[in-house]
Amino acid sequence: MVYFDPRGMGGSGPVREDGDMGMAAVRADFDALRRHLGLDRVSAIGWSNGAMNLILLAAENPRRSRRRCSSTARPTSTRRTCSATRSGSRY
């Protein structure tokens, strides 16, 4: 089992630019981690913005997704998220 911290959250470093928190950047990071681990397909759990990213990942490349569990899939406020994480806040 692997836990993925998106940019600016949990154990990852602070966000430097607004584009770093975009949903496309988070999905690219998740896919890069999948490739780094040598996994062809993954089962994943996501909540809030992570759930929305899982839904989009599965739609963009259904062959990479084995199973998904999504809870409260809704986009979050990118502007608020970027401001909070740039200042070093974690939420």
Protein backbone atom coordinates (compact mmCIF):
# COMPACT_ATOMS: atom_id res chain seq x y z
CA MET A 1 0.00 0.00 0.00
CA VAL A 2 1.28 3.46 -0.93
CA TYR A 3 -0.03 6.78 0.37
CA PHE A 4 0.16 9.66 -2.13
CA ASP A 5 0.47 13.22 -0.78
CA PRO A 6 -0.42 15.73 -3.52
CA ARG A 7 1.78 18.78 -3.88
CA GLY A 8 1.71 21.08 -0.85
CA MET A 9 -0.12 18.60 1.39
CA GLY A 10 0.99 16.12 4.04
CA GLY A 11 4.68 15.28 3.67
CA SER A 12 5.22 16.94 0.28
CA GLY A 13 7.00 20.27 -0.15
CA PRO A 14 5.31 23.68 -0.38
CA VAL A 15 3.70 24.79 -3.63
CA ARG A 16 5.68 27.39 -5.56
CA GLU A 17 3.29 28.36 -8.37
CA ASP A 18 -0.48 28.28 -8.86
CA GLY A 19 -0.08 25.73 -11.67
CA ASP A 20 1.49 23.30 -9.19
CA MET A 21 -1.92 22.77 -7.54
CA GLY A 22 -3.90 22.26 -10.73
CA MET A 23 -5.80 19.01 -11.06
CA ALA A 24 -3.86 18.09 -14.20
CA ALA A 25 -0.55 18.46 -12.32
CA VAL A 26 -1.79 16.25 -9.48
CA ARG A 27 -2.96 13.58 -11.94
CA ALA A 28 0.40 13.72 -13.74
CA ASP A 29 2.20 13.25 -10.40
CA PHE A 30 -0.01 10.28 -9.51
CA ASP A 31 0.62 8.68 -12.90
CA ALA A 32 4.37 9.31 -12.60
CA LEU A 33 4.33 7.54 -9.22
CA ARG A 34 2.43 4.61 -10.77
CA ARG A 35 5.06 4.31 -13.52
CA HIS A 36 7.94 4.71 -11.04
CA LEU A 37 6.56 1.80 -9.01
CA GLY A 38 6.30 -0.28 -12.20
CA LEU A 39 2.54 -0.73 -11.88
CA ASP A 40 0.44 -1.23 -14.99
CA ARG A 41 -2.90 -0.86 -13.18
CA VAL A 42 -3.81 0.47 -9.74
CA SER A 43 -6.61 0.30 -7.22
CA ALA A 44 -7.00 3.62 -5.41
CA ILE A 45 -9.04 5.41 -2.77
CA GLY A 46 -9.62 9.16 -3.01
CA TRP A 47 -11.70 11.75 -1.18
CA SER A 48 -12.62 15.33 -1.93
CA ASN A 49 -10.37 16.65 -4.70
CA GLY A 50 -8.49 13.33 -4.77
CA ALA A 51 -11.75 11.54 -5.58
CA MET A 52 -12.39 13.91 -8.46
CA ASN A 53 -8.85 13.30 -9.76
CA LEU A 54 -9.40 9.52 -9.59
CA ILE A 55 -12.58 9.85 -11.64
CA LEU A 56 -10.76 11.97 -14.23
CA LEU A 57 -7.77 9.61 -14.32
CA ALA A 58 -10.06 6.65 -14.97
CA ALA A 59 -11.86 8.56 -17.72
CA GLU A 60 -8.60 9.67 -19.35
CA ASN A 61 -6.94 6.26 -19.24
CA PRO A 62 -9.31 3.47 -18.18
CA ARG A 63 -6.69 0.74 -18.74
CA ARG A 64 -4.60 2.07 -15.83
CA SER A 65 -7.40 1.88 -13.28
CA ARG A 66 -8.31 -1.44 -11.70
CA ARG A 67 -10.65 -0.29 -8.90
CA ARG A 68 -11.57 3.08 -7.38
CA CYS A 69 -13.30 4.16 -4.22
CA SER A 70 -14.27 7.83 -4.33
CA SER A 71 -15.85 9.84 -1.53
CA THR A 72 -17.20 13.40 -1.78
CA ALA A 73 -15.89 13.91 -5.31
CA ARG A 74 -16.02 17.65 -5.84
CA PRO A 75 -13.38 20.14 -6.96
CA THR A 76 -11.96 22.43 -4.30
CA SER A 77 -11.15 26.12 -4.59
CA THR A 78 -7.80 26.22 -6.37
CA ARG A 79 -7.12 29.86 -5.50
CA ARG A 80 -7.64 29.26 -1.75
CA THR A 81 -5.66 26.03 -1.90
CA CYS A 82 -2.70 27.68 -3.67
CA SER A 83 -2.61 30.62 -1.26
CA ALA A 84 -2.70 28.38 1.81
CA THR A 85 -0.03 25.98 0.60
CA ARG A 86 2.33 28.67 -0.73
CA SER A 87 2.39 30.23 2.72
CA GLY A 88 3.38 26.89 4.23
CA SER A 89 -0.04 26.09 5.70
CA ARG A 90 -1.19 22.50 5.61
CA TYR A 91 -4.84 21.59 5.65
